[in-house]
PDB file of N, CA and C in Angstrom:
ATOM      1  N   MET A   1       0.832  -1.194   0.000  1.00  0.00           N
ATOM      2  CA  MET A   1       0.000   0.000   0.000  1.00  0.00           C
ATOM      3  C   MET A   1       0.869   1.246   0.000  1.00  0.00           C
ATOM      4  N   GLY A   2       2.144   1.115   0.279  1.00  0.00           N
ATOM      5  CA  GLY A   2       3.000   2.265   0.228  1.00  0.00           C
ATOM      6  C   GLY A   2       3.313   2.843   1.600  1.00  0.00           C
ATOM      7  N   TYR A   3       2.545   2.509   2.607  1.00  0.00           N
ATOM      8  CA  TYR A   3       2.839   2.974   3.954  1.00  0.00           C
ATOM      9  C   TYR A   3       2.414   1.910   4.943  1.00  0.00           C
ATOM     10  N   ARG A   4       3.007   1.965   6.110  1.00  0.00           N
ATOM     11  CA  ARG A   4       2.669   1.020   7.164  1.00  0.00           C
ATOM     12  C   ARG A   4       1.472   1.534   7.936  1.00  0.00           C
ATOM     13  N   TYR A   5       0.722   0.637   8.452  1.00  0.00           N
ATOM     14  CA  TYR A   5      -0.436   0.985   9.255  1.00  0.00           C
ATOM     15  C   TYR A   5      -0.315   0.256  10.573  1.00  0.00           C
ATOM     16  N   LYS A   6      -0.895   0.806  11.589  1.00  0.00           N
ATOM     17  CA  LYS A   6      -0.861   0.200  12.907  1.00  0.00           C
ATOM     18  C   LYS A   6      -2.214  -0.445  13.169  1.00  0.00           C
ATOM     19  N   ILE A   7      -2.208  -1.597  13.815  1.00  0.00           N
ATOM     20  CA  ILE A   7      -3.449  -2.274  14.197  1.00  0.00           C
ATOM     21  C   ILE A   7      -3.563  -2.217  15.715  1.00  0.00           C
ATOM     22  N   ILE A   8      -4.701  -1.723  16.187  1.00  0.00           N
ATOM     23  CA  ILE A   8      -4.935  -1.555  17.617  1.00  0.00           C
ATOM     24  C   ILE A   8      -6.134  -2.406  18.023  1.00  0.00           C
ATOM     25  N   VAL A   9      -5.995  -3.144  19.114  1.00  0.00           N
ATOM     26  CA  VAL A   9      -7.115  -3.913  19.658  1.00  0.00           C
ATOM     27  C   VAL A   9      -7.952  -2.960  20.509  1.00  0.00           C
ATOM     28  N   ALA A  10      -9.230  -2.836  20.149  1.00  0.00           N
ATOM     29  CA  ALA A  10     -10.165  -1.941  20.841  1.00  0.00           C
ATOM     30  C   ALA A  10     -11.407  -2.750  21.234  1.00  0.00           C
ATOM     31  N   PRO A  11     -11.393  -3.388  22.403  1.00  0.00           N
ATOM     32  CA  PRO A  11     -12.476  -4.295  22.792  1.00  0.00           C
ATOM     33  C   PRO A  11     -13.853  -3.641  22.874  1.00  0.00           C
ATOM     34  N   PHE A  12     -13.916  -2.327  22.933  1.00  0.00           N
ATOM     35  CA  PHE A  12     -15.190  -1.618  23.010  1.00  0.00           C
ATOM     36  C   PHE A  12     -15.917  -1.553  21.666  1.00  0.00           C
ATOM     37  N   LEU A  13     -15.219  -1.879  20.567  1.00  0.00           N
ATOM     38  CA  LEU A  13     -15.835  -1.810  19.232  1.00  0.00           C
ATOM     39  C   LEU A  13     -17.020  -2.763  19.133  1.00  0.00           C
ATOM     40  N   LYS A  14     -18.073  -2.310  18.516  1.00  0.00           N
ATOM     41  CA  LYS A  14     -19.258  -3.136  18.293  1.00  0.00           C
ATOM     42  C   LYS A  14     -19.161  -3.922  16.988  1.00  0.00           C
ATOM     43  N   VAL A  15     -18.127  -3.639  16.193  1.00  0.00           N
ATOM     44  CA  VAL A  15     -17.890  -4.328  14.918  1.00  0.00           C
ATOM     45  C   VAL A  15     -16.525  -5.007  14.991  1.00  0.00           C
ATOM     46  N   SER A  16     -16.289  -5.954  14.088  1.00  0.00           N
ATOM     47  CA  SER A  16     -15.018  -6.688  14.087  1.00  0.00           C
ATOM     48  C   SER A  16     -13.824  -5.779  13.842  1.00  0.00           C
ATOM     49  N   GLY A  17     -13.955  -4.897  12.850  1.00  0.00           N
ATOM     50  CA  GLY A  17     -12.856  -4.020  12.510  1.00  0.00           C
ATOM     51  C   GLY A  17     -13.330  -2.690  11.987  1.00  0.00           C
ATOM     52  N   MET A  18     -12.422  -1.707  12.039  1.00  0.00           N
ATOM     53  CA  MET A  18     -12.740  -0.371  11.555  1.00  0.00           C
ATOM     54  C   MET A  18     -11.440   0.318  11.162  1.00  0.00           C
ATOM     55  N   ALA A  19     -11.470   0.995  10.042  1.00  0.00           N
ATOM     56  CA  ALA A  19     -10.309   1.761   9.594  1.00  0.00           C
ATOM     57  C   ALA A  19     -10.546   3.229   9.904  1.00  0.00           C
ATOM     58  N   LEU A  20      -9.716   3.777  10.745  1.00  0.00           N
ATOM     59  CA  LEU A  20      -9.717   5.208  11.047  1.00  0.00           C
ATOM     60  C   LEU A  20      -8.322   5.711  10.724  1.00  0.00           C
ATOM     61  N   PHE A  21      -8.190   6.258   9.538  1.00  0.00           N
ATOM     62  CA  PHE A  21      -6.883   6.635   9.017  1.00  0.00           C
ATOM     63  C   PHE A  21      -6.053   7.341  10.066  1.00  0.00           C
ATOM     64  N   PRO A  22      -4.860   6.872  10.317  1.00  0.00           N
ATOM     65  CA  PRO A  22      -4.054   5.870   9.621  1.00  0.00           C
ATOM     66  C   PRO A  22      -3.966   4.530  10.347  1.00  0.00           C
ATOM     67  N   VAL A  23      -4.948   4.190  11.167  1.00  0.00           N
ATOM     68  CA  VAL A  23      -4.880   2.934  11.926  1.00  0.00           C
ATOM     69  C   VAL A  23      -6.077   2.029  11.616  1.00  0.00           C
ATOM     70  N   ILE A  24      -5.896   0.763  11.948  1.00  0.00           N
ATOM     71  CA  ILE A  24      -6.984  -0.208  11.884  1.00  0.00           C
ATOM     72  C   ILE A  24      -7.295  -0.613  13.319  1.00  0.00           C
ATOM     73  N   LEU A  25      -8.565  -0.601  13.664  1.00  0.00           N
ATOM     74  CA  LEU A  25      -9.005  -1.056  14.974  1.00  0.00           C
ATOM     75  C   LEU A  25      -9.684  -2.408  14.803  1.00  0.00           C
ATOM     76  N   VAL A  26      -9.399  -3.343  15.704  1.00  0.00           N
ATOM     77  CA  VAL A  26     -10.106  -4.627  15.731  1.00  0.00           C
ATOM     78  C   VAL A  26     -10.624  -4.824  17.150  1.00  0.00           C
ATOM     79  N   ASN A  27     -11.727  -5.572  17.274  1.00  0.00           N
ATOM     80  CA  ASN A  27     -12.335  -5.673  18.606  1.00  0.00           C
ATOM     81  C   ASN A  27     -11.800  -6.805  19.473  1.00  0.00           C
ATOM     82  N   ASN A  28     -10.920  -7.660  18.919  1.00  0.00           N
ATOM     83  CA  ASN A  28     -10.275  -8.674  19.762  1.00  0.00           C
ATOM     84  C   ASN A  28      -8.952  -9.111  19.161  1.00  0.00           C
ATOM     85  N   LYS A  29      -8.114  -9.673  20.013  1.00  0.00           N
ATOM     86  CA  LYS A  29      -6.747 -10.056  19.645  1.00  0.00           C
ATOM     87  C   LYS A  29      -6.696 -11.080  18.518  1.00  0.00           C
ATOM     88  N   GLU A  30      -7.669 -11.988  18.464  1.00  0.00           N
ATOM     89  CA  GLU A  30      -7.681 -13.027  17.436  1.00  0.00           C
ATOM     90  C   GLU A  30      -7.750 -12.431  16.030  1.00  0.00           C
ATOM     91  N   LEU A  31      -8.381 -11.277  15.892  1.00  0.00           N
ATOM     92  CA  LEU A  31      -8.535 -10.649  14.574  1.00  0.00           C
ATOM     93  C   LEU A  31      -7.234 -10.051  14.040  1.00  0.00           C
ATOM     94  N   LEU A  32      -6.222  -9.942  14.884  1.00  0.00           N
ATOM     95  CA  LEU A  32      -4.932  -9.429  14.426  1.00  0.00           C
ATOM     96  C   LEU A  32      -4.358 -10.301  13.310  1.00  0.00           C
ATOM     97  N   ASN A  33      -4.739 -11.571  13.296  1.00  0.00           N
ATOM     98  CA  ASN A  33      -4.236 -12.515  12.297  1.00  0.00           C
ATOM     99  C   ASN A  33      -5.299 -12.925  11.289  1.00  0.00           C
ATOM    100  N   ASP A  34      -6.427 -12.235  11.275  1.00  0.00           N
ATOM    101  CA  ASP A  34      -7.494 -12.545  10.319  1.00  0.00           C
ATOM    102  C   ASP A  34      -7.235 -11.759   9.030  1.00  0.00           C
ATOM    103  N   ALA A  35      -6.691 -12.455   8.036  1.00  0.00           N
ATOM    104  CA  ALA A  35      -6.276 -11.798   6.790  1.00  0.00           C
ATOM    105  C   ALA A  35      -7.436 -11.113   6.078  1.00  0.00           C
ATOM    106  N   VAL A  36      -8.633 -11.688   6.139  1.00  0.00           N
ATOM    107  CA  VAL A  36      -9.785 -11.109   5.441  1.00  0.00           C
ATOM    108  C   VAL A  36     -10.214  -9.801   6.103  1.00  0.00           C
ATOM    109  N   VAL A  37     -10.341  -9.813   7.424  1.00  0.00           N
ATOM    110  CA  VAL A  37     -10.741  -8.588   8.140  1.00  0.00           C
ATOM    111  C   VAL A  37      -9.696  -7.494   7.938  1.00  0.00           C
ATOM    112  N   ILE A  38      -8.427  -7.837   8.088  1.00  0.00           N
ATOM    113  CA  ILE A  38      -7.361  -6.840   7.933  1.00  0.00           C
ATOM    114  C   ILE A  38      -7.332  -6.304   6.507  1.00  0.00           C
ATOM    115  N   ASN A  39      -7.490  -7.179   5.527  1.00  0.00           N
ATOM    116  CA  ASN A  39      -7.488  -6.725   4.132  1.00  0.00           C
ATOM    117  C   ASN A  39      -8.679  -5.820   3.842  1.00  0.00           C
ATOM    118  N   HIS A  40      -9.844  -6.153   4.379  1.00  0.00           N
ATOM    119  CA  HIS A  40     -11.045  -5.313   4.221  1.00  0.00           C
ATOM    120  C   HIS A  40     -10.736  -3.895   4.725  1.00  0.00           C
ATOM    121  N   GLU A  41     -10.131  -3.829   5.894  1.00  0.00           N
ATOM    122  CA  GLU A  41      -9.822  -2.520   6.481  1.00  0.00           C
ATOM    123  C   GLU A  41      -8.688  -1.817   5.735  1.00  0.00           C
ATOM    124  N   ARG A  42      -7.749  -2.558   5.190  1.00  0.00           N
ATOM    125  CA  ARG A  42      -6.682  -1.965   4.363  1.00  0.00           C
ATOM    126  C   ARG A  42      -7.274  -1.307   3.122  1.00  0.00           C
ATOM    127  N   ILE A  43      -8.294  -1.934   2.550  1.00  0.00           N
ATOM    128  CA  ILE A  43      -8.972  -1.341   1.390  1.00  0.00           C
ATOM    129  C   ILE A  43      -9.583   0.000   1.789  1.00  0.00           C
ATOM    130  N   HIS A  44     -10.192   0.048   2.976  1.00  0.00           N
ATOM    131  CA  HIS A  44     -10.757   1.321   3.450  1.00  0.00           C
ATOM    132  C   HIS A  44      -9.660   2.365   3.680  1.00  0.00           C
ATOM    133  N   LEU A  45      -8.511   1.953   4.196  1.00  0.00           N
ATOM    134  CA  LEU A  45      -7.415   2.911   4.376  1.00  0.00           C
ATOM    135  C   LEU A  45      -6.984   3.492   3.038  1.00  0.00           C
ATOM    136  N   LYS A  46      -6.941   2.650   2.018  1.00  0.00           N
ATOM    137  CA  LYS A  46      -6.573   3.118   0.672  1.00  0.00           C
ATOM    138  C   LYS A  46      -7.620   4.111   0.157  1.00  0.00           C
ATOM    139  N   GLN A  47      -8.905   3.796   0.347  1.00  0.00           N
ATOM    140  CA  GLN A  47      -9.982   4.697  -0.063  1.00  0.00           C
ATOM    141  C   GLN A  47      -9.858   6.032   0.666  1.00  0.00           C
ATOM    142  N   GLN A  48      -9.611   5.963   1.963  1.00  0.00           N
ATOM    143  CA  GLN A  48      -9.489   7.180   2.764  1.00  0.00           C
ATOM    144  C   GLN A  48      -8.310   8.029   2.298  1.00  0.00           C
ATOM    145  N   ALA A  49      -7.184   7.392   2.023  1.00  0.00           N
ATOM    146  CA  ALA A  49      -5.991   8.123   1.583  1.00  0.00           C
ATOM    147  C   ALA A  49      -6.223   8.817   0.245  1.00  0.00           C
ATOM    148  N   GLU A  50      -6.855   8.119  -0.688  1.00  0.00           N
ATOM    149  CA  GLU A  50      -7.034   8.732  -2.009  1.00  0.00           C
ATOM    150  C   GLU A  50      -8.066   9.854  -1.992  1.00  0.00           C
ATOM    151  N   LEU A  51      -8.932   9.870  -0.991  1.00  0.00           N
ATOM    152  CA  LEU A  51      -9.906  10.967  -0.862  1.00  0.00           C
ATOM    153  C   LEU A  51      -9.474  12.002   0.186  1.00  0.00           C
ATOM    154  N   LEU A  52      -8.244  11.884   0.658  1.00  0.00           N
ATOM    155  CA  LEU A  52      -7.695  12.826   1.640  1.00  0.00           C
ATOM    156  C   LEU A  52      -8.487  12.815   2.952  1.00  0.00           C
ATOM    157  N   VAL A  53      -8.941  11.670   3.349  1.00  0.00           N
ATOM    158  CA  VAL A  53      -9.545  11.301   4.624  1.00  0.00           C
ATOM    159  C   VAL A  53     -10.911  11.930   4.886  1.00  0.00           C
ATOM    160  N   ILE A  54     -10.986  13.215   5.160  1.00  0.00           N
ATOM    161  CA  ILE A  54     -12.258  13.845   5.551  1.00  0.00           C
ATOM    162  C   ILE A  54     -13.332  13.687   4.467  1.00  0.00           C
ATOM    163  N   PRO A  55     -13.049  13.948   3.199  1.00  0.00           N
ATOM    164  CA  PRO A  55     -14.079  13.725   2.175  1.00  0.00           C
ATOM    165  C   PRO A  55     -14.570  12.274   2.135  1.00  0.00           C
ATOM    166  N   PHE A  56     -13.691  11.320   2.452  1.00  0.00           N
ATOM    167  CA  PHE A  56     -14.119   9.919   2.512  1.00  0.00           C
ATOM    168  C   PHE A  56     -15.250   9.759   3.516  1.00  0.00           C
ATOM    169  N   TYR A  57     -15.045  10.288   4.730  1.00  0.00           N
ATOM    170  CA  TYR A  57     -16.055  10.130   5.780  1.00  0.00           C
ATOM    171  C   TYR A  57     -17.357  10.836   5.407  1.00  0.00           C
ATOM    172  N   LEU A  58     -17.263  11.992   4.768  1.00  0.00           N
ATOM    173  CA  LEU A  58     -18.470  12.701   4.337  1.00  0.00           C
ATOM    174  C   LEU A  58     -19.226  11.907   3.270  1.00  0.00           C
ATOM    175  N   LEU A  59     -18.498  11.406   2.262  1.00  0.00           N
ATOM    176  CA  LEU A  59     -19.139  10.601   1.217  1.00  0.00           C
ATOM    177  C   LEU A  59     -19.718   9.306   1.784  1.00  0.00           C
ATOM    178  N   TYR A  60     -19.011   8.707   2.716  1.00  0.00           N
ATOM    179  CA  TYR A  60     -19.471   7.478   3.357  1.00  0.00           C
ATOM    180  C   TYR A  60     -20.819   7.729   4.043  1.00  0.00           C
ATOM    181  N   LEU A  61     -20.878   8.793   4.835  1.00  0.00           N
ATOM    182  CA  LEU A  61     -22.109   9.128   5.563  1.00  0.00           C
ATOM    183  C   LEU A  61     -23.244   9.483   4.611  1.00  0.00           C
ATOM    184  N   ILE A  62     -22.963  10.299   3.612  1.00  0.00           N
ATOM    185  CA  ILE A  62     -24.000  10.679   2.634  1.00  0.00           C
ATOM    186  C   ILE A  62     -24.518   9.445   1.905  1.00  0.00           C
ATOM    187  N   ASN A  63     -23.607   8.575   1.483  1.00  0.00           N
ATOM    188  CA  ASN A  63     -24.018   7.362   0.777  1.00  0.00           C
ATOM    189  C   ASN A  63     -24.874   6.471   1.667  1.00  0.00           C
ATOM    190  N   TYR A  64     -24.496   6.357   2.939  1.00  0.00           N
ATOM    191  CA  TYR A  64     -25.289   5.563   3.883  1.00  0.00           C
ATOM    192  C   TYR A  64     -26.695   6.156   4.036  1.00  0.00           C
ATOM    193  N   LEU A  65     -26.792   7.470   4.215  1.00  0.00           N
ATOM    194  CA  LEU A  65     -28.099   8.113   4.414  1.00  0.00           C
ATOM    195  C   LEU A  65     -28.986   7.981   3.177  1.00  0.00           C
ATOM    196  N   VAL A  66     -28.415   8.141   1.996  1.00  0.00           N
ATOM    197  CA  VAL A  66     -29.180   7.947   0.759  1.00  0.00           C
ATOM    198  C   VAL A  66     -29.658   6.503   0.675  1.00  0.00           C
ATOM    199  N   ASN A  67     -28.768   5.559   0.963  1.00  0.00           N
ATOM    200  CA  ASN A  67     -29.148   4.148   0.941  1.00  0.00           C
ATOM    201  C   ASN A  67     -30.254   3.845   1.951  1.00  0.00           C
ATOM    202  N   LEU A  68     -30.183   4.476   3.106  1.00  0.00           N
ATOM    203  CA  LEU A  68     -31.209   4.263   4.134  1.00  0.00           C
ATOM    204  C   LEU A  68     -32.568   4.743   3.636  1.00  0.00           C
ATOM    205  N   MET A  69     -32.587   5.849   2.903  1.00  0.00           N
ATOM    206  CA  MET A  69     -33.849   6.337   2.331  1.00  0.00           C
ATOM    207  C   MET A  69     -34.362   5.386   1.243  1.00  0.00           C
ATOM    208  N   ILE A  70     -33.446   4.782   0.501  1.00  0.00           N
ATOM    209  CA  ILE A  70     -33.834   3.867  -0.572  1.00  0.00           C
ATOM    210  C   ILE A  70     -34.303   2.528  -0.024  1.00  0.00           C
ATOM    211  N   TYR A  71     -33.530   1.954   0.902  1.00  0.00           N
ATOM    212  CA  TYR A  71     -33.770   0.578   1.349  1.00  0.00           C
ATOM    213  C   TYR A  71     -34.550   0.460   2.662  1.00  0.00           C
ATOM    214  N   HIS A  72     -34.609   1.533   3.454  1.00  0.00           N
ATOM    215  CA  HIS A  72     -35.334   1.529   4.733  1.00  0.00           C
ATOM    216  C   HIS A  72     -34.867   0.420   5.666  1.00  0.00           C
ATOM    217  N   ASN A  73     -33.573   0.092   5.614  1.00  0.00           N
ATOM    218  CA  ASN A  73     -33.025  -0.973   6.433  1.00  0.00           C
ATOM    219  C   ASN A  73     -31.546  -0.685   6.657  1.00  0.00           C
ATOM    220  N   HIS A  74     -31.140  -0.633   7.918  1.00  0.00           N
ATOM    221  CA  HIS A  74     -29.746  -0.294   8.247  1.00  0.00           C
ATOM    222  C   HIS A  74     -28.750  -1.241   7.590  1.00  0.00           C
ATOM    223  N   ASN A  75     -28.943  -2.553   7.746  1.00  0.00           N
ATOM    224  CA  ASN A  75     -27.975  -3.523   7.216  1.00  0.00           C
ATOM    225  C   ASN A  75     -27.853  -3.447   5.703  1.00  0.00           C
ATOM    226  N   VAL A  76     -28.968  -3.330   5.017  1.00  0.00           N
ATOM    227  CA  VAL A  76     -28.947  -3.245   3.559  1.00  0.00           C
ATOM    228  C   VAL A  76     -28.301  -1.928   3.124  1.00  0.00           C
ATOM    229  N   ALA A  77     -28.629  -0.855   3.835  1.00  0.00           N
ATOM    230  CA  ALA A  77     -28.030   0.451   3.518  1.00  0.00           C
ATOM    231  C   ALA A  77     -26.516   0.401   3.700  1.00  0.00           C
ATOM    232  N   TYR A  78     -26.069  -0.186   4.799  1.00  0.00           N
ATOM    233  CA  TYR A  78     -24.634  -0.304   5.077  1.00  0.00           C
ATOM    234  C   TYR A  78     -23.939  -1.144   4.009  1.00  0.00           C
ATOM    235  N   LEU A  79     -24.488  -2.291   3.684  1.00  0.00           N
ATOM    236  CA  LEU A  79     -23.857  -3.188   2.710  1.00  0.00           C
ATOM    237  C   LEU A  79     -23.817  -2.598   1.305  1.00  0.00           C
ATOM    238  N   ASN A  80     -24.641  -1.582   1.041  1.00  0.00           N
ATOM    239  CA  ASN A  80     -24.667  -0.947  -0.271  1.00  0.00           C
ATOM    240  C   ASN A  80     -23.878   0.354  -0.342  1.00  0.00           C
ATOM    241  N   ILE A  81     -23.188   0.710   0.736  1.00  0.00           N
ATOM    242  CA  ILE A  81     -22.277   1.857   0.673  1.00  0.00           C
ATOM    243  C   ILE A  81     -21.187   1.490  -0.331  1.00  0.00           C
ATOM    244  N   ILE A  82     -20.906   2.373  -1.256  1.00  0.00           N
ATOM    245  CA  ILE A  82     -19.962   2.041  -2.327  1.00  0.00           C
ATOM    246  C   ILE A  82     -18.607   1.587  -1.792  1.00  0.00           C
ATOM    247  N   PHE A  83     -18.144   2.187  -0.723  1.00  0.00           N
ATOM    248  CA  PHE A  83     -16.859   1.819  -0.151  1.00  0.00           C
ATOM    249  C   PHE A  83     -16.898   0.416   0.451  1.00  0.00           C
ATOM    250  N   GLU A  84     -18.023   0.077   1.072  1.00  0.00           N
ATOM    251  CA  GLU A  84     -18.188  -1.271   1.634  1.00  0.00           C
ATOM    252  C   GLU A  84     -18.318  -2.305   0.528  1.00  0.00           C
ATOM    253  N   ARG A  85     -19.005  -1.950  -0.523  1.00  0.00           N
ATOM    254  CA  ARG A  85     -19.167  -2.892  -1.642  1.00  0.00           C
ATOM    255  C   ARG A  85     -17.814  -3.264  -2.232  1.00  0.00           C
ATOM    256  N   GLU A  86     -16.950  -2.270  -2.425  1.00  0.00           N
ATOM    257  CA  GLU A  86     -15.613  -2.579  -2.934  1.00  0.00           C
ATOM    258  C   GLU A  86     -14.843  -3.440  -1.936  1.00  0.00           C
ATOM    259  N   ALA A  87     -14.879  -3.067  -0.667  1.00  0.00           N
ATOM    260  CA  ALA A  87     -14.115  -3.796   0.350  1.00  0.00           C
ATOM    261  C   ALA A  87     -14.611  -5.236   0.497  1.00  0.00           C
ATOM    262  N   TYR A  88     -15.918  -5.438   0.570  1.00  0.00           N
ATOM    263  CA  TYR A  88     -16.449  -6.803   0.701  1.00  0.00           C
ATOM    264  C   TYR A  88     -16.171  -7.628  -0.555  1.00  0.00           C
ATOM    265  N   ALA A  89     -16.266  -7.020  -1.717  1.00  0.00           N
ATOM    266  CA  ALA A  89     -16.049  -7.754  -2.968  1.00  0.00           C
ATOM    267  C   ALA A  89     -14.610  -8.234  -3.115  1.00  0.00           C
ATOM    268  N   ASN A  90     -13.675  -7.561  -2.454  1.00  0.00           N
ATOM    269  CA  ASN A  90     -12.259  -7.860  -2.667  1.00  0.00           C
ATOM    270  C   ASN A  90     -11.488  -8.243  -1.405  1.00  0.00           C
ATOM    271  N   GLU A  91     -12.182  -8.380  -0.286  1.00  0.00           N
ATOM    272  CA  GLU A  91     -11.498  -8.627   0.980  1.00  0.00           C
ATOM    273  C   GLU A  91     -10.728  -9.953   1.021  1.00  0.00           C
ATOM    274  N   ALA A  92     -11.169 -10.952   0.298  1.00  0.00           N
ATOM    275  CA  ALA A  92     -10.496 -12.263   0.318  1.00  0.00           C
ATOM    276  C   ALA A  92      -9.252 -12.292  -0.573  1.00  0.00           C
ATOM    277  N   ASP A  93      -9.108 -11.302  -1.427  1.00  0.00           N
ATOM    278  CA  ASP A  93      -7.959 -11.231  -2.333  1.00  0.00           C
ATOM    279  C   ASP A  93      -6.869 -10.388  -1.676  1.00  0.00           C
ATOM    280  N   THR A  94      -5.914 -11.059  -1.037  1.00  0.00           N
ATOM    281  CA  THR A  94      -4.886 -10.325  -0.297  1.00  0.00           C
ATOM    282  C   THR A  94      -3.923  -9.560  -1.210  1.00  0.00           C
ATOM    283  N   HIS A  95      -3.997  -9.792  -2.516  1.00  0.00           N
ATOM    284  CA  HIS A  95      -3.155  -9.055  -3.470  1.00  0.00           C
ATOM    285  C   HIS A  95      -3.904  -7.868  -4.099  1.00  0.00           C
ATOM    286  N   TYR A  96      -5.176  -7.710  -3.756  1.00  0.00           N
ATOM    287  CA  TYR A  96      -6.007  -6.676  -4.374  1.00  0.00           C
ATOM    288  C   TYR A  96      -5.382  -5.279  -4.273  1.00  0.00           C
ATOM    289  N   ILE A  97      -4.863  -4.938  -3.130  1.00  0.00           N
ATOM    290  CA  ILE A  97      -4.282  -3.601  -2.923  1.00  0.00           C
ATOM    291  C   ILE A  97      -3.154  -3.330  -3.920  1.00  0.00           C
ATOM    292  N   ARG A  98      -2.418  -4.353  -4.281  1.00  0.00           N
ATOM    293  CA  ARG A  98      -1.277  -4.181  -5.198  1.00  0.00           C
ATOM    294  C   ARG A  98      -1.700  -3.776  -6.604  1.00  0.00           C
ATOM    295  N   TYR A  99      -2.810  -4.357  -7.082  1.00  0.00           N
ATOM    296  CA  TYR A  99      -3.224  -4.055  -8.461  1.00  0.00           C
ATOM    297  C   TYR A  99      -4.466  -3.159  -8.538  1.00  0.00           C
ATOM    298  N   ARG A 100      -4.986  -2.765  -7.422  1.00  0.00           N
ATOM    299  CA  ARG A 100      -6.164  -1.893  -7.379  1.00  0.00           C
ATOM    300  C   ARG A 100      -5.849  -0.551  -8.033  1.00  0.00           C
ATOM    301  N   ARG A 101      -6.772  -0.108  -8.877  1.00  0.00           N
ATOM    302  CA  ARG A 101      -6.618   1.204  -9.510  1.00  0.00           C
ATOM    303  C   ARG A 101      -7.203   2.279  -8.591  1.00  0.00           C
ATOM    304  N   TRP A 102      -6.675   3.484  -8.746  1.00  0.00           N
ATOM    305  CA  TRP A 102      -7.193   4.611  -7.963  1.00  0.00           C
ATOM    306  C   TRP A 102      -8.686   4.780  -8.228  1.00  0.00           C
ATOM    307  N   TYR A 103      -9.411   5.128  -7.184  1.00  0.00           N
ATOM    308  CA  TYR A 103     -10.855   5.401  -7.243  1.00  0.00           C
ATOM    309  C   TYR A 103     -11.658   4.208  -7.767  1.00  0.00           C
ATOM    310  N   SER A 104     -11.194   3.006  -7.466  1.00  0.00           N
ATOM    311  CA  SER A 104     -11.916   1.800  -7.889  1.00  0.00           C
ATOM    312  C   SER A 104     -13.314   1.728  -7.290  1.00  0.00           C
ATOM    313  N   TRP A 105     -13.512   2.368  -6.160  1.00  0.00           N
ATOM    314  CA  TRP A 105     -14.829   2.368  -5.523  1.00  0.00           C
ATOM    315  C   TRP A 105     -15.897   3.007  -6.409  1.00  0.00           C
ATOM    316  N   CYS A 106     -15.507   3.838  -7.369  1.00  0.00           N
ATOM    317  CA  CYS A 106     -16.475   4.493  -8.257  1.00  0.00           C
ATOM    318  C   CYS A 106     -17.278   3.482  -9.075  1.00  0.00           C
ATOM    319  N   ARG A 107     -16.692   2.316  -9.328  1.00  0.00           N
ATOM    320  CA  ARG A 107     -17.403   1.281 -10.087  1.00  0.00           C
ATOM    321  C   ARG A 107     -18.606   0.729  -9.327  1.00  0.00           C
ATOM    322  N   TYR A 108     -18.710   1.027  -8.049  1.00  0.00           N
ATOM    323  CA  TYR A 108     -19.765   0.467  -7.215  1.00  0.00           C
ATOM    324  C   TYR A 108     -20.937   1.425  -7.002  1.00  0.00           C
ATOM    325  N   PHE A 109     -20.994   2.503  -7.781  1.00  0.00           N
ATOM    326  CA  PHE A 109     -22.099   3.453  -7.670  1.00  0.00           C
ATOM    327  C   PHE A 109     -23.438   2.863  -8.118  1.00  0.00           C
ATOM    328  N   LYS A 110     -23.389   1.933  -9.036  1.00  0.00           N
ATOM    329  CA  LYS A 110     -24.620   1.351  -9.555  1.00  0.00           C
ATOM    330  C   LYS A 110     -25.414   0.666  -8.441  1.00  0.00           C
ATOM    331  N   LEU A 111     -26.709   0.941  -8.383  1.00  0.00           N
ATOM    332  CA  LEU A 111     -27.570   0.312  -7.369  1.00  0.00           C
ATOM    333  C   LEU A 111     -27.707  -1.174  -7.636  1.00  0.00           C
ATOM    334  N   LYS A 112     -27.701  -1.947  -6.566  1.00  0.00           N
ATOM    335  CA  LYS A 112     -27.962  -3.380  -6.700  1.00  0.00           C
ATOM    336  C   LYS A 112     -29.452  -3.573  -6.910  1.00  0.00           C
ATOM    337  N   GLN A 113     -29.786  -4.543  -7.710  1.00  0.00           N
ATOM    338  CA  GLN A 113     -31.203  -4.825  -7.966  1.00  0.00           C
ATOM    339  C   GLN A 113     -31.714  -5.907  -7.053  1.00  0.00           C
TER     340      GLN A 113
END
């Protein structure tokens, strides 16, 4: 990815992992070695870096709120956030970050049917 990231165990987290540039938070020690969770969060770090961090969070929130109006369901709205769609689609591919093109998340704007 071009830079090192730190992983912090944060037992208070209600989710398995979270990327808050420039660190990854996981909710338990076992996840430190979970390649899929770490890769998912690495994808988010890349998204955050290319959007200069703050715009990422604004777009993330706006996309979630629009999805919530469309789907009327938190889980469906969350899973359809463009950034999450890219991360979930590629989290199992540990080489994805190496060949990922800039702004790849843009391909996920299309609504799922």
